[in-house]
């Protein structure tokens, strides 16, 4: 099963749109309003599940991330918030950059080699990263 967990703001939504345009799949969606970021507690994973996590703090979701990995799921985690110490696990792939001029959608844009850049620019403007957005237009 595919499970997409994402922040319900422009950055999280635009990162997910880019990812699913590049990797179409039917997925269970788990999200919440902008400040509701402890979303991994809602994930009940099984071995073989693919969990994509976008624009929520790894540091604040670390306990549930460890649980999901222990349950046997593969996790792709993309974020720009403080992450704390990253776990080392063979089923975890991370793309994390806490630079103040980066948002999750810009990281996804980089990961996808600019395939859906308009979504990344939209999110960057939404996160008030005007200069970063203008550089990518």
N, C-alpha and C. Protein backbone atom coordinates (compact mmCIF):
# COMPACT_ATOMS: atom_id res chain seq x y z
N UNK A 1 0.85 -1.18 0.00
CA UNK A 1 0.00 0.00 0.00
C UNK A 1 0.89 1.24 0.00
N UNK A 2 0.46 2.24 -0.73
CA UNK A 2 1.11 3.55 -0.73
C UNK A 2 0.40 4.43 0.29
N UNK A 3 1.19 5.10 1.11
CA UNK A 3 0.64 6.03 2.10
C UNK A 3 1.39 7.34 1.95
N UNK A 4 0.65 8.42 1.66
CA UNK A 4 1.24 9.75 1.52
C UNK A 4 0.84 10.59 2.72
N UNK A 5 1.85 11.07 3.44
CA UNK A 5 1.64 11.89 4.64
C UNK A 5 2.25 13.25 4.35
N UNK A 6 1.42 14.32 4.49
CA UNK A 6 1.93 15.63 4.06
C UNK A 6 1.25 16.75 4.84
N UNK A 7 2.00 17.82 5.02
CA UNK A 7 1.49 19.03 5.64
C UNK A 7 0.41 19.61 4.71
N UNK A 8 -0.69 20.08 5.29
CA UNK A 8 -1.80 20.59 4.51
C UNK A 8 -1.67 22.03 4.06
N UNK A 9 -0.44 22.53 3.96
CA UNK A 9 -0.24 23.88 3.43
C UNK A 9 0.22 23.78 1.97
N UNK A 10 0.46 24.93 1.35
CA UNK A 10 0.84 24.94 -0.07
C UNK A 10 2.10 24.12 -0.33
N UNK A 11 3.08 24.21 0.55
CA UNK A 11 4.33 23.49 0.33
C UNK A 11 4.11 21.98 0.35
N UNK A 12 3.42 21.48 1.34
CA UNK A 12 3.17 20.04 1.42
C UNK A 12 2.33 19.54 0.26
N UNK A 13 1.30 20.26 -0.09
CA UNK A 13 0.41 19.86 -1.18
C UNK A 13 1.15 19.90 -2.52
N UNK A 14 1.90 20.97 -2.77
CA UNK A 14 2.63 21.10 -4.04
C UNK A 14 3.74 20.05 -4.16
N UNK A 15 4.38 19.72 -3.05
CA UNK A 15 5.40 18.65 -3.08
C UNK A 15 4.75 17.32 -3.45
N UNK A 16 3.59 17.05 -2.87
CA UNK A 16 2.89 15.80 -3.17
C UNK A 16 2.45 15.76 -4.64
N UNK A 17 1.92 16.86 -5.14
CA UNK A 17 1.49 16.90 -6.54
C UNK A 17 2.67 16.58 -7.47
N UNK A 18 3.81 17.20 -7.22
CA UNK A 18 4.99 16.92 -8.05
C UNK A 18 5.35 15.44 -8.00
N UNK A 19 5.40 14.91 -6.77
CA UNK A 19 5.82 13.52 -6.59
C UNK A 19 4.87 12.55 -7.29
N UNK A 20 3.57 12.79 -7.15
CA UNK A 20 2.59 11.87 -7.75
C UNK A 20 2.45 12.07 -9.26
N UNK A 21 2.75 13.25 -9.77
CA UNK A 21 2.81 13.41 -11.23
C UNK A 21 3.95 12.56 -11.80
N UNK A 22 5.06 12.52 -11.10
CA UNK A 22 6.22 11.75 -11.54
C UNK A 22 6.08 10.26 -11.21
N UNK A 23 5.34 9.94 -10.16
CA UNK A 23 5.20 8.56 -9.68
C UNK A 23 3.73 8.27 -9.41
N UNK A 24 2.92 8.13 -10.45
CA UNK A 24 1.49 7.93 -10.24
C UNK A 24 1.21 6.65 -9.44
N UNK A 25 0.34 6.78 -8.47
CA UNK A 25 -0.08 5.63 -7.67
C UNK A 25 -1.30 6.03 -6.86
N UNK A 26 -2.16 5.08 -6.63
CA UNK A 26 -3.27 5.31 -5.72
C UNK A 26 -2.70 5.19 -4.31
N UNK A 27 -2.99 6.15 -3.46
CA UNK A 27 -2.40 6.16 -2.12
C UNK A 27 -3.42 6.58 -1.08
N UNK A 28 -3.22 6.10 0.11
CA UNK A 28 -3.98 6.60 1.26
C UNK A 28 -3.36 7.95 1.61
N UNK A 29 -4.20 8.97 1.77
CA UNK A 29 -3.71 10.32 2.08
C UNK A 29 -3.93 10.62 3.55
N UNK A 30 -2.86 11.10 4.20
CA UNK A 30 -2.95 11.53 5.59
C UNK A 30 -2.41 12.94 5.66
N UNK A 31 -3.25 13.88 6.07
CA UNK A 31 -2.85 15.27 6.15
C UNK A 31 -3.61 15.96 7.27
N UNK A 32 -3.30 17.19 7.47
CA UNK A 32 -4.00 18.00 8.46
C UNK A 32 -3.78 19.47 8.15
N UNK A 33 -4.39 20.34 8.93
CA UNK A 33 -4.18 21.77 8.71
C UNK A 33 -2.71 22.15 8.94
N UNK A 34 -2.37 23.34 8.52
CA UNK A 34 -0.98 23.81 8.48
C UNK A 34 -0.15 23.47 9.71
N UNK A 35 -0.62 23.69 10.88
CA UNK A 35 0.21 23.48 12.08
C UNK A 35 0.08 22.08 12.69
N UNK A 36 -0.73 21.23 12.11
CA UNK A 36 -0.90 19.86 12.59
C UNK A 36 0.17 19.00 11.95
N UNK A 37 1.32 18.84 12.61
CA UNK A 37 2.44 18.18 11.98
C UNK A 37 2.79 16.82 12.58
N UNK A 38 2.13 16.40 13.61
CA UNK A 38 2.42 15.08 14.17
C UNK A 38 1.51 14.06 13.51
N UNK A 39 1.68 13.94 12.22
CA UNK A 39 0.79 13.13 11.40
C UNK A 39 1.19 11.66 11.31
N UNK A 40 2.45 11.35 11.58
CA UNK A 40 2.87 9.95 11.47
C UNK A 40 2.21 9.05 12.50
N UNK A 41 1.67 9.63 13.57
CA UNK A 41 0.97 8.82 14.56
C UNK A 41 -0.27 8.17 13.96
N UNK A 42 -0.77 8.69 12.84
CA UNK A 42 -1.95 8.14 12.18
C UNK A 42 -1.62 6.98 11.23
N UNK A 43 -0.35 6.73 10.97
CA UNK A 43 0.06 5.71 10.02
C UNK A 43 0.14 4.35 10.70
N UNK A 44 -0.56 3.40 10.15
CA UNK A 44 -0.45 2.01 10.57
C UNK A 44 0.11 1.23 9.38
N UNK A 45 1.41 0.98 9.41
CA UNK A 45 2.09 0.39 8.27
C UNK A 45 2.28 -1.12 8.46
N UNK A 46 2.48 -1.76 7.32
CA UNK A 46 2.76 -3.19 7.28
C UNK A 46 4.00 -3.40 6.42
N UNK A 47 4.64 -4.55 6.55
CA UNK A 47 5.79 -4.82 5.69
C UNK A 47 5.42 -4.65 4.22
N UNK A 48 6.29 -3.98 3.49
CA UNK A 48 6.06 -3.74 2.07
C UNK A 48 5.34 -2.45 1.75
N UNK A 49 4.74 -1.79 2.74
CA UNK A 49 4.10 -0.50 2.49
C UNK A 49 5.16 0.53 2.11
N UNK A 50 4.75 1.48 1.28
CA UNK A 50 5.59 2.60 0.87
C UNK A 50 5.00 3.87 1.48
N UNK A 51 5.73 4.51 2.37
CA UNK A 51 5.25 5.71 3.04
C UNK A 51 6.07 6.90 2.54
N UNK A 52 5.39 7.89 2.00
CA UNK A 52 6.04 9.13 1.56
C UNK A 52 5.64 10.21 2.54
N UNK A 53 6.62 10.90 3.11
CA UNK A 53 6.37 11.93 4.13
C UNK A 53 6.92 13.25 3.60
N UNK A 54 6.04 14.27 3.57
CA UNK A 54 6.40 15.55 2.96
C UNK A 54 6.06 16.72 3.88
N UNK A 55 7.07 17.53 4.15
CA UNK A 55 6.89 18.82 4.81
C UNK A 55 6.38 18.71 6.25
N UNK A 56 6.83 17.69 6.97
CA UNK A 56 6.57 17.64 8.41
C UNK A 56 7.88 17.29 9.12
N UNK A 57 8.09 17.88 10.26
CA UNK A 57 9.34 17.75 11.00
C UNK A 57 9.63 16.32 11.40
N UNK A 58 10.79 15.81 10.96
CA UNK A 58 11.21 14.48 11.37
C UNK A 58 11.44 14.44 12.88
N UNK A 59 12.04 15.50 13.38
CA UNK A 59 12.33 15.55 14.82
C UNK A 59 11.06 15.37 15.65
N UNK A 60 9.98 16.00 15.25
CA UNK A 60 8.73 15.93 16.02
C UNK A 60 7.95 14.64 15.75
N UNK A 61 8.36 13.89 14.75
CA UNK A 61 7.69 12.63 14.40
C UNK A 61 8.62 11.43 14.53
N UNK A 62 9.74 11.61 15.19
CA UNK A 62 10.79 10.57 15.25
C UNK A 62 10.29 9.26 15.84
N UNK A 63 9.56 9.33 16.94
CA UNK A 63 9.09 8.10 17.58
C UNK A 63 8.20 7.29 16.63
N UNK A 64 7.29 7.96 15.96
CA UNK A 64 6.41 7.25 15.03
C UNK A 64 7.15 6.80 13.78
N UNK A 65 8.14 7.57 13.33
CA UNK A 65 8.95 7.14 12.20
C UNK A 65 9.67 5.84 12.55
N UNK A 66 10.26 5.78 13.74
CA UNK A 66 10.94 4.56 14.17
C UNK A 66 9.97 3.38 14.20
N UNK A 67 8.76 3.61 14.67
CA UNK A 67 7.74 2.56 14.73
C UNK A 67 7.38 2.07 13.33
N UNK A 68 7.17 3.01 12.40
CA UNK A 68 6.80 2.66 11.03
C UNK A 68 7.90 1.84 10.36
N UNK A 69 9.14 2.24 10.58
CA UNK A 69 10.26 1.48 10.04
C UNK A 69 10.32 0.08 10.66
N UNK A 70 10.07 -0.02 11.95
CA UNK A 70 10.05 -1.32 12.63
C UNK A 70 8.92 -2.20 12.13
N UNK A 71 7.83 -1.57 11.67
CA UNK A 71 6.70 -2.32 11.12
C UNK A 71 7.01 -2.87 9.72
N UNK A 72 8.14 -2.46 9.14
CA UNK A 72 8.57 -3.01 7.86
C UNK A 72 8.30 -2.17 6.64
N UNK A 73 7.84 -0.95 6.82
CA UNK A 73 7.55 -0.07 5.68
C UNK A 73 8.83 0.60 5.18
N UNK A 74 8.82 0.92 3.88
CA UNK A 74 9.86 1.77 3.30
C UNK A 74 9.37 3.20 3.40
N UNK A 75 10.27 4.12 3.76
CA UNK A 75 9.88 5.51 3.97
C UNK A 75 10.77 6.43 3.14
N UNK A 76 10.13 7.34 2.39
CA UNK A 76 10.81 8.40 1.67
C UNK A 76 10.39 9.70 2.35
N UNK A 77 11.34 10.40 2.97
CA UNK A 77 11.06 11.56 3.82
C UNK A 77 11.71 12.80 3.21
N UNK A 78 10.90 13.78 2.84
CA UNK A 78 11.40 15.02 2.24
C UNK A 78 10.90 16.19 3.09
N UNK A 79 11.84 17.03 3.54
CA UNK A 79 11.44 18.12 4.44
C UNK A 79 12.52 19.18 4.55
N UNK A 80 12.11 20.35 5.03
CA UNK A 80 13.05 21.47 5.22
C UNK A 80 13.08 21.95 6.68
N UNK A 81 12.37 21.30 7.57
CA UNK A 81 12.36 21.67 8.99
C UNK A 81 13.49 20.99 9.74
N UNK A 82 13.76 21.47 10.95
CA UNK A 82 14.78 20.83 11.79
C UNK A 82 14.46 19.36 11.95
N UNK A 83 15.46 18.52 11.71
CA UNK A 83 15.23 17.08 11.72
C UNK A 83 15.78 16.39 12.95
N UNK A 84 16.71 17.04 13.65
CA UNK A 84 17.39 16.33 14.73
C UNK A 84 18.31 15.30 14.11
N UNK A 85 18.70 14.31 14.89
CA UNK A 85 19.58 13.26 14.39
C UNK A 85 18.79 12.32 13.48
N UNK A 86 19.30 12.12 12.28
CA UNK A 86 18.61 11.25 11.33
C UNK A 86 18.86 9.78 11.67
N UNK A 87 17.80 8.99 11.68
CA UNK A 87 18.01 7.57 11.94
C UNK A 87 18.71 6.91 10.75
N UNK A 88 19.51 5.93 11.03
CA UNK A 88 20.14 5.15 9.97
C UNK A 88 19.35 3.84 9.88
N UNK A 89 18.69 3.67 8.76
CA UNK A 89 17.86 2.49 8.56
C UNK A 89 17.84 2.17 7.07
N UNK A 90 17.97 0.90 6.69
CA UNK A 90 18.00 0.56 5.27
C UNK A 90 16.69 0.84 4.53
N UNK A 91 15.59 1.01 5.23
CA UNK A 91 14.30 1.27 4.59
C UNK A 91 13.94 2.76 4.59
N UNK A 92 14.88 3.61 5.00
CA UNK A 92 14.63 5.05 5.06
C UNK A 92 15.50 5.78 4.06
N UNK A 93 14.85 6.57 3.21
CA UNK A 93 15.55 7.47 2.29
C UNK A 93 15.11 8.88 2.65
N UNK A 94 16.07 9.78 2.88
CA UNK A 94 15.73 11.15 3.25
C UNK A 94 16.29 12.15 2.25
N UNK A 95 15.56 13.23 2.12
CA UNK A 95 16.00 14.41 1.38
C UNK A 95 15.63 15.59 2.26
N UNK A 96 16.58 15.98 3.10
CA UNK A 96 16.32 17.02 4.11
C UNK A 96 17.37 18.11 3.98
N UNK A 97 16.89 19.34 3.93
CA UNK A 97 17.76 20.51 3.86
C UNK A 97 17.08 21.62 4.64
N UNK A 98 17.72 22.10 5.70
CA UNK A 98 17.11 23.10 6.57
C UNK A 98 17.52 24.53 6.23
N UNK A 99 18.14 24.72 5.08
CA UNK A 99 18.51 26.07 4.65
C UNK A 99 17.26 26.95 4.61
N UNK A 100 17.40 28.18 5.06
CA UNK A 100 16.26 29.11 5.16
C UNK A 100 15.67 29.48 3.80
N UNK A 101 16.39 29.23 2.71
CA UNK A 101 15.91 29.58 1.38
C UNK A 101 15.30 28.39 0.63
N UNK A 102 15.00 27.33 1.36
CA UNK A 102 14.50 26.10 0.76
C UNK A 102 13.18 25.72 1.40
N UNK A 103 12.29 25.14 0.59
CA UNK A 103 11.07 24.53 1.11
C UNK A 103 11.00 23.10 0.56
N UNK A 104 10.08 22.33 1.05
CA UNK A 104 9.98 20.93 0.65
C UNK A 104 9.72 20.81 -0.85
N UNK A 105 8.90 21.67 -1.41
CA UNK A 105 8.61 21.59 -2.85
C UNK A 105 9.84 21.90 -3.70
N UNK A 106 10.71 22.77 -3.23
CA UNK A 106 11.96 23.02 -3.96
C UNK A 106 12.88 21.81 -3.88
N UNK A 107 12.87 21.12 -2.74
CA UNK A 107 13.65 19.89 -2.63
C UNK A 107 13.11 18.82 -3.58
N UNK A 108 11.79 18.72 -3.65
CA UNK A 108 11.18 17.75 -4.56
C UNK A 108 11.49 18.12 -6.01
N UNK A 109 11.45 19.41 -6.31
CA UNK A 109 11.81 19.88 -7.65
C UNK A 109 13.22 19.43 -8.02
N UNK A 110 14.13 19.58 -7.09
CA UNK A 110 15.52 19.15 -7.30
C UNK A 110 15.56 17.63 -7.52
N UNK A 111 14.86 16.89 -6.69
CA UNK A 111 14.82 15.43 -6.78
C UNK A 111 14.28 14.97 -8.13
N UNK A 112 13.30 15.68 -8.65
CA UNK A 112 12.66 15.31 -9.92
C UNK A 112 13.26 16.05 -11.12
N UNK A 113 14.40 16.68 -10.93
CA UNK A 113 15.11 17.38 -12.01
C UNK A 113 14.24 18.41 -12.72
N UNK A 114 13.38 19.10 -11.95
CA UNK A 114 12.60 20.21 -12.49
C UNK A 114 11.43 19.82 -13.38
N UNK A 115 11.00 18.56 -13.34
CA UNK A 115 9.93 18.10 -14.24
C UNK A 115 8.63 18.89 -14.06
N UNK A 116 8.33 19.28 -12.84
CA UNK A 116 7.06 19.96 -12.54
C UNK A 116 7.33 21.25 -11.76
N UNK A 117 8.24 22.01 -12.27
CA UNK A 117 8.77 23.18 -11.57
C UNK A 117 7.71 24.20 -11.19
N UNK A 118 6.68 24.37 -11.98
CA UNK A 118 5.65 25.38 -11.66
C UNK A 118 5.06 25.13 -10.27
N UNK A 119 4.91 23.86 -9.89
CA UNK A 119 4.39 23.54 -8.55
C UNK A 119 5.38 23.95 -7.47
N UNK A 120 6.66 23.78 -7.72
CA UNK A 120 7.69 24.16 -6.75
C UNK A 120 7.73 25.68 -6.57
N UNK A 121 7.61 26.40 -7.68
CA UNK A 121 7.62 27.86 -7.62
C UNK A 121 6.38 28.35 -6.86
N UNK A 122 5.24 27.76 -7.13
CA UNK A 122 4.01 28.12 -6.41
C UNK A 122 4.19 27.95 -4.90
N UNK A 123 4.75 26.83 -4.50
CA UNK A 123 4.96 26.57 -3.07
C UNK A 123 5.98 27.53 -2.47
N UNK A 124 7.03 27.84 -3.22
CA UNK A 124 8.04 28.76 -2.70
C UNK A 124 7.44 30.14 -2.46
N UNK A 125 6.61 30.60 -3.38
CA UNK A 125 5.91 31.87 -3.15
C UNK A 125 5.01 31.74 -1.91
N UNK A 126 4.33 30.61 -1.77
CA UNK A 126 3.45 30.39 -0.62
C UNK A 126 4.19 30.38 0.71
N UNK A 127 5.45 29.93 0.70
CA UNK A 127 6.28 29.93 1.91
C UNK A 127 7.07 31.23 2.05
N UNK A 128 6.73 32.22 1.24
CA UNK A 128 7.37 33.54 1.28
C UNK A 128 8.86 33.48 0.94
N UNK A 129 9.23 32.55 0.07
CA UNK A 129 10.61 32.44 -0.39
C UNK A 129 10.69 33.08 -1.79
N UNK A 130 10.47 34.37 -1.80
CA UNK A 130 10.32 35.12 -3.05
C UNK A 130 11.55 34.98 -3.94
N UNK A 131 12.73 35.20 -3.37
CA UNK A 131 13.96 35.12 -4.18
C UNK A 131 14.17 33.72 -4.74
N UNK A 132 13.94 32.70 -3.91
CA UNK A 132 14.10 31.31 -4.38
C UNK A 132 13.11 31.00 -5.47
N UNK A 133 11.88 31.48 -5.33
CA UNK A 133 10.86 31.25 -6.35
C UNK A 133 11.25 31.93 -7.67
N UNK A 134 11.69 33.16 -7.59
CA UNK A 134 12.05 33.90 -8.80
C UNK A 134 13.22 33.26 -9.52
N UNK A 135 14.16 32.67 -8.79
CA UNK A 135 15.33 32.02 -9.41
C UNK A 135 14.93 30.78 -10.20
N UNK A 136 13.80 30.20 -9.87
CA UNK A 136 13.40 28.93 -10.52
C UNK A 136 12.34 29.13 -11.60
N UNK A 137 11.79 30.32 -11.73
CA UNK A 137 10.74 30.55 -12.75
C UNK A 137 11.25 30.32 -14.13
